Amino acid sequence: MIVKALRYILILLCLLYGGSSASAQAAPAVKAHSAILMDAKTGQVLFEKNSRRQNAPASTTKIMTAILAIESGRLDETVTVSPRAAGTGGSSMHLFPRQQLTLRELVTGLMLRSGNDAAVAIAEHLAGSEDAFVAAMNRRAQELGAYQTHFRNPHGLSAPGHYSTAFDLAWITRYALTNPTFAAIVGTKETSIEWQDRSGRERDISLRNTNKLLWMFEDADGVKTGTTGEAGPCLVSSATRGNQKLIAVVLNDHSRWFDSMQLLKYGFNNYDLFTFAEQGEVLASLGVESGAAAEVDAVVATPAALVTSAADYEAVSVEVDLPEKVKAPVYKGQKLGEIIFFIHDKPVKTVDIVAGQDVEENTLSRMVLRQLTRIFRFLAAWGLL
């Protein structure tokens, strides 16, 4: 206990005296087997160490379990806990067979208390079986671009073929944090839920987040811890300062709290986020030649933002390359132009500008059809048909 207390005192001293300066600093020498620091808005990697190496992810697995549960739209449904779910080993909410909770309460217990039993109860309720839910987890990982990830269960207990990478976990988390419900849950230090005991009596129980970084680092606002014998101590963390959100992942790291704080401080102290336009923002309306509609929206395809070193921030400039008009037909999502970012007049990044809607070509046959439709509606309105 004394050693642990001294360790936390050392971490706090480093925070107070070693990380308050906004001046540039060297990349931290983290002890993690694998690590990454990623900007949440752009996905830019600011630091990495063996970030593509496959590792056992432990309970950071539950990030995917939670996002599937939240996106199901069924959080207010009542879940009846099965004997199989209640008997799941490892970290637990201490569920018991036939207990009833809402799916929202289970997700809260999943992410704060890291309940393996909650993970299985969620999987069985949403997909009918754990295996079917795991198949959905793997499909979603592929859809999100986490190509070096494969799940064998919804909780993260070690199993052959259950693996991820620091990069993939950051990438999945980047997506998950765009969901306000997910972000609110993982940023909660402590809460209470209604609890029905074995005799059927209702009471409130407290759930305290296993992510100690929420108390240790002022800007921290997520995400998930994980520990198994195979994986070692793991942490996926997030923090927000000003307009910038960063995601840090450390896998198999016995200094996970200290290393995560050092990574996040390194990112905030050395990099700035330059934002030009948000994803989905309409930049202009372009004329459409020979189109069934006169104009089409020119929409930003992905966040038009760039992370730069603090020293280069003032040297960023942006050009928007768009034609005055486009020729029909135009298809939604079709590239119309691009946003170009420059640092010291050197191009460093482009973001596509795409069509916001379809615009059909205004052919003779379509013109005749529209005219006949107008005549038909006119005659129908006067009772002549």
Protein backbone atom coordinates (compact mmCIF):
# COMPACT_ATOMS: atom_id res chain seq x y z
CA MET A 1 0.00 0.00 0.00
CA ILE A 2 2.89 2.40 0.86
CA VAL A 3 4.57 1.68 -2.49
CA LYS A 4 1.31 2.32 -4.36
CA ALA A 5 0.75 5.58 -2.47
CA LEU A 6 4.28 6.76 -3.23
CA ARG A 7 3.74 5.94 -6.91
CA TYR A 8 0.61 8.11 -7.07
CA ILE A 9 2.40 10.94 -5.24
CA LEU A 10 5.19 10.77 -7.82
CA ILE A 11 2.66 10.94 -10.66
CA LEU A 12 0.96 13.97 -9.14
CA LEU A 13 4.29 15.73 -8.65
CA CYS A 14 5.14 15.11 -12.29
CA LEU A 15 1.79 16.58 -13.26
CA LEU A 16 2.30 19.67 -11.13
CA TYR A 17 5.92 20.40 -11.94
CA GLY A 18 6.71 18.47 -15.08
CA GLY A 19 3.78 19.10 -17.38
CA SER A 20 2.50 22.62 -16.94
CA SER A 21 4.77 24.22 -19.51
CA ALA A 22 3.35 24.78 -22.98
CA SER A 23 6.82 24.70 -24.54
CA ALA A 24 7.81 21.90 -26.88
CA GLN A 25 8.95 18.70 -25.28
CA ALA A 26 10.50 15.44 -26.43
CA ALA A 27 8.26 12.46 -27.12
CA PRO A 28 7.80 10.45 -23.91
CA ALA A 29 9.60 7.14 -23.46
CA VAL A 30 6.58 5.04 -22.55
CA LYS A 31 7.01 1.57 -21.07
CA ALA A 32 4.06 0.09 -22.98
CA HIS A 33 4.65 -2.80 -25.36
CA SER A 34 2.39 -0.90 -27.79
CA ALA A 35 1.16 2.68 -27.70
CA ILE A 36 -0.35 5.43 -29.81
CA LEU A 37 -1.48 9.05 -29.52
CA MET A 38 -4.13 10.12 -32.02
CA ASP A 39 -6.02 13.32 -32.71
CA ALA A 40 -9.71 12.46 -32.42
CA LYS A 41 -11.02 14.82 -35.11
CA THR A 42 -8.56 14.11 -37.90
CA GLY A 43 -7.23 10.67 -37.00
CA GLN A 44 -3.67 11.98 -37.30
CA VAL A 45 -1.13 9.94 -35.39
CA LEU A 46 1.05 12.13 -33.16
CA PHE A 47 3.04 9.37 -31.47
CA GLU A 48 3.29 5.62 -31.88
CA LYS A 49 5.24 2.69 -30.58
CA ASN A 50 4.55 -0.72 -32.15
CA SER A 51 1.03 0.60 -32.79
CA ARG A 52 0.20 -2.09 -35.38
CA ARG A 53 1.42 -5.01 -33.26
CA GLN A 54 -1.38 -7.41 -32.32
CA ASN A 55 -2.00 -7.68 -28.59
CA ALA A 56 -4.60 -9.13 -26.28
CA PRO A 57 -6.86 -6.10 -25.63
CA ALA A 58 -8.42 -7.24 -22.31
CA SER A 59 -11.47 -5.18 -21.31
CA THR A 60 -10.81 -2.43 -23.85
CA THR A 61 -12.83 -4.92 -25.95
CA LYS A 62 -15.89 -3.49 -24.20
CA ILE A 63 -15.62 -0.26 -26.22
CA MET A 64 -17.00 -2.16 -29.21
CA THR A 65 -19.61 -3.95 -27.07
CA ALA A 66 -20.84 -0.62 -25.72
CA ILE A 67 -21.10 1.13 -29.07
CA LEU A 68 -23.10 -1.74 -30.58
CA ALA A 69 -25.46 -1.67 -27.61
CA ILE A 70 -25.91 2.10 -27.77
CA GLU A 71 -26.43 2.13 -31.53
CA SER A 72 -29.08 -0.59 -31.23
CA GLY A 73 -31.51 2.09 -30.05
CA ARG A 74 -32.78 -0.31 -27.37
CA LEU A 75 -31.22 1.16 -24.22
CA ASP A 76 -34.55 1.41 -22.40
CA GLU A 77 -35.41 -2.26 -22.91
CA THR A 78 -35.47 -4.58 -19.89
CA VAL A 79 -32.89 -7.35 -19.93
CA THR A 80 -33.30 -10.59 -18.00
CA VAL A 81 -29.91 -11.94 -16.96
CA SER A 82 -29.27 -15.56 -17.92
CA PRO A 83 -27.44 -18.07 -15.68
CA ARG A 84 -24.66 -18.14 -18.28
CA ALA A 85 -24.19 -14.37 -18.15
CA ALA A 86 -24.32 -14.28 -14.36
CA GLY A 87 -21.65 -16.99 -14.18
CA THR A 88 -19.09 -15.14 -16.32
CA GLY A 89 -15.72 -14.94 -14.56
CA GLY A 90 -13.41 -12.00 -14.01
CA SER A 91 -14.47 -8.45 -13.21
CA SER A 92 -18.17 -8.36 -12.46
CA MET A 93 -21.28 -6.34 -11.71
CA HIS A 94 -22.33 -9.32 -9.53
CA LEU A 95 -25.43 -10.02 -11.58
CA PHE A 96 -27.55 -13.06 -10.70
CA PRO A 97 -29.83 -15.27 -12.82
CA ARG A 98 -33.25 -13.84 -13.73
CA GLN A 99 -32.26 -10.39 -12.45
CA GLN A 100 -33.75 -7.60 -14.54
CA LEU A 101 -32.02 -4.36 -15.51
CA THR A 102 -32.32 -1.96 -18.41
CA LEU A 103 -29.84 -2.24 -21.23
CA ARG A 104 -28.66 1.30 -20.34
CA GLU A 105 -27.84 0.18 -16.79
CA LEU A 106 -25.90 -2.80 -18.13
CA VAL A 107 -23.88 -0.59 -20.48
CA THR A 108 -23.10 1.73 -17.57
CA GLY A 109 -21.91 -1.22 -15.48
CA LEU A 110 -20.00 -2.55 -18.47
CA MET A 111 -17.96 0.63 -18.90
CA LEU A 112 -17.61 1.86 -15.31
CA ARG A 113 -17.25 -1.36 -13.32
CA SER A 114 -16.02 -3.38 -16.32
CA GLY A 115 -18.61 -6.08 -15.77
CA ASN A 116 -17.88 -9.20 -17.84
CA ASP A 117 -21.28 -10.53 -16.78
CA ALA A 118 -22.88 -7.36 -18.17
CA ALA A 119 -21.09 -7.91 -21.50
CA VAL A 120 -22.58 -11.39 -21.91
CA ALA A 121 -26.05 -10.23 -20.82
CA ILE A 122 -25.89 -7.43 -23.41
CA ALA A 123 -24.74 -9.82 -26.13
CA GLU A 124 -27.44 -12.39 -25.45
CA HIS A 125 -30.20 -9.80 -25.28
CA LEU A 126 -29.27 -8.00 -28.49
CA ALA A 127 -28.22 -10.92 -30.70
CA GLY A 128 -29.76 -14.00 -29.11
CA SER A 129 -26.38 -15.53 -28.34
CA GLU A 130 -22.88 -14.48 -27.46
CA ASP A 131 -21.51 -15.97 -30.70
CA ALA A 132 -23.96 -14.01 -32.87
CA PHE A 133 -23.09 -10.77 -31.08
CA VAL A 134 -19.35 -11.40 -31.48
CA ALA A 135 -19.91 -11.90 -35.21
CA ALA A 136 -21.57 -8.46 -35.27
CA MET A 137 -18.59 -6.99 -33.38
CA ASN A 138 -16.19 -8.34 -35.99
CA ARG A 139 -18.31 -7.02 -38.87
CA ARG A 140 -18.38 -3.59 -37.26
CA ALA A 141 -14.62 -3.61 -36.72
CA GLN A 142 -14.12 -4.25 -40.43
CA GLU A 143 -16.62 -1.53 -41.38
CA LEU A 144 -14.78 0.99 -39.21
CA GLY A 145 -11.39 0.08 -40.69
CA ALA A 146 -10.02 -1.82 -37.67
CA TYR A 147 -8.58 -4.49 -39.95
CA GLN A 148 -6.11 -5.99 -37.46
CA THR A 149 -8.76 -6.69 -34.83
CA HIS A 150 -10.63 -9.92 -34.18
CA PHE A 151 -12.95 -10.61 -31.26
CA ARG A 152 -13.85 -13.96 -29.72
CA ASN A 153 -16.02 -12.60 -26.88
CA PRO A 154 -17.69 -9.33 -25.82
CA HIS A 155 -15.70 -8.78 -22.61
CA GLY A 156 -12.01 -9.31 -23.34
CA LEU A 157 -11.10 -12.35 -21.27
CA SER A 158 -8.15 -14.01 -22.99
CA ALA A 159 -9.04 -16.39 -25.80
CA PRO A 160 -7.17 -17.73 -28.85
CA GLY A 161 -7.77 -15.41 -31.81
CA HIS A 162 -8.91 -12.48 -29.65
CA TYR A 163 -6.64 -9.56 -30.48
CA SER A 164 -6.38 -5.92 -31.52
CA THR A 165 -3.74 -3.23 -31.92
CA ALA A 166 -3.15 0.15 -30.33
CA PHE A 167 -3.99 1.79 -33.66
CA ASP A 168 -7.25 -0.14 -34.11
CA LEU A 169 -8.39 0.56 -30.55
CA ALA A 170 -7.72 4.29 -31.03
CA TRP A 171 -9.56 4.18 -34.37
CA ILE A 172 -12.59 2.42 -32.87
CA THR A 173 -12.57 4.84 -29.94
CA ARG A 174 -12.36 7.82 -32.27
CA TYR A 175 -15.63 6.68 -33.83
CA ALA A 176 -17.25 5.76 -30.51
CA LEU A 177 -16.58 9.18 -28.98
CA THR A 178 -18.66 10.85 -31.71
CA ASN A 179 -21.68 9.25 -30.01
CA PRO A 180 -22.83 11.59 -27.19
CA THR A 181 -24.26 8.74 -25.10
CA PHE A 182 -21.01 6.78 -25.25
CA ALA A 183 -18.96 9.90 -24.46
CA ALA A 184 -21.15 10.75 -21.46
CA ILE A 185 -20.92 7.23 -19.99
CA VAL A 186 -17.15 6.82 -20.31
CA GLY A 187 -16.57 10.31 -18.89
CA THR A 188 -18.60 9.56 -15.74
CA LYS A 189 -16.55 9.12 -12.58
CA GLU A 190 -19.27 7.66 -10.42
CA THR A 191 -23.01 7.11 -10.67
CA SER A 192 -25.76 4.95 -9.22
CA ILE A 193 -28.27 2.61 -10.81
CA GLU A 194 -31.43 0.94 -9.58
CA TRP A 195 -30.70 -2.54 -8.32
CA GLN A 196 -33.16 -5.33 -7.60
CA ASP A 197 -31.77 -7.79 -5.07
CA ARG A 198 -32.55 -11.51 -4.97
CA SER A 199 -35.60 -10.92 -2.80
CA GLY A 200 -37.01 -8.43 -5.32
CA ARG A 201 -36.33 -5.30 -3.26
CA GLU A 202 -35.22 -2.17 -5.13
CA ARG A 203 -32.25 -0.08 -4.01
CA ASP A 204 -29.57 2.09 -5.54
CA ILE A 205 -26.00 0.85 -5.94
CA SER A 206 -22.98 2.96 -6.71
CA LEU A 207 -20.77 2.32 -9.75
CA ARG A 208 -17.29 3.85 -9.66
CA ASN A 209 -15.25 4.10 -12.85
CA THR A 210 -12.14 1.90 -12.97
CA ASN A 211 -10.44 4.62 -15.07
CA LYS A 212 -8.42 6.47 -12.40
CA LEU A 213 -7.18 8.93 -15.02
CA LEU A 214 -10.52 10.75 -14.68
CA TRP A 215 -9.36 11.85 -11.21
CA MET A 216 -5.64 12.14 -11.95
CA PHE A 217 -5.65 14.28 -15.12
CA GLU A 218 -7.80 17.40 -15.30
CA ASP A 219 -8.59 17.18 -19.02
CA ALA A 220 -9.37 13.43 -19.06
CA ASP A 221 -12.86 12.43 -20.20
CA GLY A 222 -12.66 8.68 -20.98
CA VAL A 223 -12.39 5.84 -21.92
CA LYS A 224 -11.69 2.23 -20.70
CA THR A 225 -9.28 0.18 -18.65
CA GLY A 226 -8.34 -3.46 -19.18
CA THR A 227 -6.17 -6.02 -17.43
CA THR A 228 -5.60 -9.75 -17.87
CA GLY A 229 -2.58 -11.94 -17.30
CA GLU A 230 -1.93 -12.17 -21.04
CA ALA A 231 -2.69 -8.54 -21.92
CA GLY A 232 -1.12 -6.90 -18.88
CA PRO A 233 -2.43 -3.49 -17.76
CA CYS A 234 -4.03 -1.60 -20.65
CA LEU A 235 -5.70 1.77 -20.98
CA VAL A 236 -7.54 3.61 -23.72
CA SER A 237 -7.86 7.22 -22.58
CA SER A 238 -9.15 10.48 -23.99
CA ALA A 239 -8.78 14.10 -22.98
CA THR A 240 -10.04 17.43 -24.27
CA ARG A 241 -8.34 20.79 -24.05
CA GLY A 242 -9.80 23.76 -25.90
CA ASN A 243 -10.93 22.62 -29.35
CA GLN A 244 -8.70 19.54 -29.37
CA LYS A 245 -9.52 16.00 -28.25
CA LEU A 246 -6.75 13.40 -28.05
CA ILE A 247 -6.88 9.62 -27.68
CA ALA A 248 -4.04 7.66 -26.07
CA VAL A 249 -3.72 3.88 -26.01
CA VAL A 250 -1.16 1.93 -24.00
CA LEU A 251 -1.13 -1.87 -24.05
CA ASN A 252 0.73 -4.10 -21.62
CA ASP A 253 1.99 -1.16 -19.62
CA HIS A 254 2.67 -1.38 -15.89
CA SER A 255 2.97 2.42 -15.84
CA ARG A 256 -0.26 2.96 -17.75
CA TRP A 257 -1.50 5.96 -15.72
CA PHE A 258 1.76 7.87 -15.86
CA ASP A 259 2.48 6.98 -19.50
CA SER A 260 -1.02 7.94 -20.63
CA MET A 261 -0.76 11.32 -18.92
CA GLN A 262 2.65 11.92 -20.47
CA LEU A 263 1.31 11.09 -23.94
CA LEU A 264 -1.70 13.38 -23.55
CA LYS A 265 0.41 16.25 -22.19
CA TYR A 266 2.89 15.75 -25.00
CA GLY A 267 0.11 16.08 -27.56
CA PHE A 268 -1.44 19.19 -26.01
CA ASN A 269 1.90 20.90 -25.47
CA ASN A 270 3.32 20.25 -28.92
CA TYR A 271 0.40 20.22 -31.38
CA ASP A 272 -2.49 22.50 -32.30
CA LEU A 273 -5.65 21.76 -34.25
CA PHE A 274 -6.40 24.02 -37.21
CA THR A 275 -10.06 23.63 -38.26
CA PHE A 276 -11.36 25.08 -41.52
CA ALA A 277 -14.76 23.35 -41.89
CA GLU A 278 -16.76 20.57 -40.26
CA GLN A 279 -17.75 17.31 -41.92
CA GLY A 280 -21.07 17.78 -43.74
CA GLU A 281 -20.76 21.58 -43.89
CA VAL A 282 -22.08 23.14 -47.11
CA LEU A 283 -19.35 25.36 -48.55
CA ALA A 284 -21.17 26.55 -51.66
CA SER A 285 -23.99 25.93 -54.09
CA LEU A 286 -22.76 25.16 -57.60
CA GLY A 287 -24.74 25.73 -60.76
CA VAL A 288 -25.66 22.55 -62.63
CA GLU A 289 -25.53 22.64 -66.41
CA SER A 290 -28.41 20.76 -68.08
CA GLY A 291 -29.65 19.65 -64.68
CA ALA A 292 -33.15 18.90 -63.45
CA ALA A 293 -32.21 21.19 -60.52
CA ALA A 294 -30.42 24.49 -60.97
CA GLU A 295 -27.88 23.96 -58.14
CA VAL A 296 -26.15 21.30 -56.07
CA ASP A 297 -24.66 21.64 -52.58
CA ALA A 298 -20.89 21.34 -52.30
CA VAL A 299 -20.35 19.49 -49.00
CA VAL A 300 -17.21 18.78 -46.96
CA ALA A 301 -16.70 14.99 -47.04
CA THR A 302 -14.57 14.60 -43.89
CA PRO A 303 -13.45 17.04 -41.19
CA ALA A 304 -11.43 19.77 -42.89
CA ALA A 305 -8.90 20.08 -40.12
CA LEU A 306 -5.16 19.70 -39.71
CA VAL A 307 -2.99 19.01 -36.67
CA THR A 308 0.28 20.91 -36.82
CA SER A 309 3.20 21.52 -34.56
CA ALA A 310 2.59 24.55 -32.38
CA ALA A 311 5.42 26.35 -34.23
CA ASP A 312 3.77 25.80 -37.65
CA TYR A 313 0.22 26.79 -36.70
CA GLU A 314 0.52 30.39 -37.92
CA ALA A 315 1.99 29.17 -41.23
CA VAL A 316 -1.13 27.21 -42.22
CA SER A 317 -3.14 28.42 -45.19
CA VAL A 318 -6.08 26.92 -47.08
CA GLU A 319 -7.33 26.97 -50.67
CA VAL A 320 -10.74 25.80 -51.87
CA ASP A 321 -10.67 24.36 -55.39
CA LEU A 322 -14.19 24.25 -56.85
CA PRO A 323 -15.53 24.78 -60.38
CA GLU A 324 -18.12 27.49 -61.04
CA LYS A 325 -20.58 24.90 -62.33
CA VAL A 326 -20.84 21.16 -62.96
CA LYS A 327 -22.55 19.17 -65.70
CA ALA A 328 -25.50 16.87 -64.99
CA PRO A 329 -25.99 14.13 -64.03
CA VAL A 330 -24.51 14.61 -60.56
CA TYR A 331 -24.54 11.85 -57.98
CA LYS A 332 -24.62 12.29 -54.20
CA GLY A 333 -21.10 11.81 -52.85
CA GLN A 334 -19.49 12.57 -56.21
CA LYS A 335 -16.26 14.53 -55.84
CA LEU A 336 -16.69 18.14 -56.97
CA GLY A 337 -13.46 19.67 -55.69
CA GLU A 338 -11.14 19.75 -52.72
CA ILE A 339 -9.80 21.76 -49.82
CA ILE A 340 -6.01 22.04 -49.82
CA PHE A 341 -4.00 22.74 -46.66
CA PHE A 342 -0.58 24.34 -46.93
CA ILE A 343 2.19 24.83 -44.37
CA HIS A 344 4.74 27.45 -45.45
CA ASP A 345 3.08 27.33 -48.91
CA LYS A 346 3.76 23.60 -49.23
CA PRO A 347 0.65 21.38 -49.75
CA VAL A 348 0.34 18.86 -46.92
CA LYS A 349 -3.25 17.62 -46.96
CA THR A 350 -6.39 17.57 -49.11
CA VAL A 351 -10.03 17.01 -48.14
CA ASP A 352 -12.66 16.16 -50.73
CA ILE A 353 -15.71 18.33 -51.42
CA VAL A 354 -18.61 16.23 -52.64
CA ALA A 355 -22.14 16.62 -53.99
CA GLY A 356 -24.80 16.79 -51.31
CA GLN A 357 -27.57 15.34 -53.49
CA ASP A 358 -28.34 13.72 -56.82
CA VAL A 359 -29.18 15.98 -59.78
CA GLU A 360 -30.55 14.23 -62.85
CA GLU A 361 -29.78 15.33 -66.36
CA ASN A 362 -32.50 17.49 -67.88
CA THR A 363 -33.05 15.42 -71.04
CA LEU A 364 -35.81 16.03 -73.58
CA SER A 365 -37.70 12.96 -72.42
CA ARG A 366 -37.62 14.12 -68.80
CA MET A 367 -38.78 17.61 -69.80
CA VAL A 368 -41.74 16.13 -71.71
CA LEU A 369 -42.56 13.80 -68.79
CA ARG A 370 -42.55 16.67 -66.30
CA GLN A 371 -44.79 18.74 -68.55
CA LEU A 372 -47.26 15.88 -68.96
CA THR A 373 -47.25 15.39 -65.18
CA ARG A 374 -48.13 19.06 -64.66
CA ILE A 375 -51.00 18.82 -67.17
CA PHE A 376 -52.29 15.63 -65.51
CA ARG A 377 -52.27 17.24 -62.05
CA PHE A 378 -54.04 20.36 -63.40
CA LEU A 379 -56.81 18.32 -65.03
CA ALA A 380 -57.17 16.10 -61.94
CA ALA A 381 -57.50 19.17 -59.70
CA TRP A 382 -60.40 20.44 -61.83
CA GLY A 383 -62.13 17.08 -61.89
CA LEU A 384 -61.58 16.61 -65.60
CA LEU A 385 -60.02 13.14 -65.21
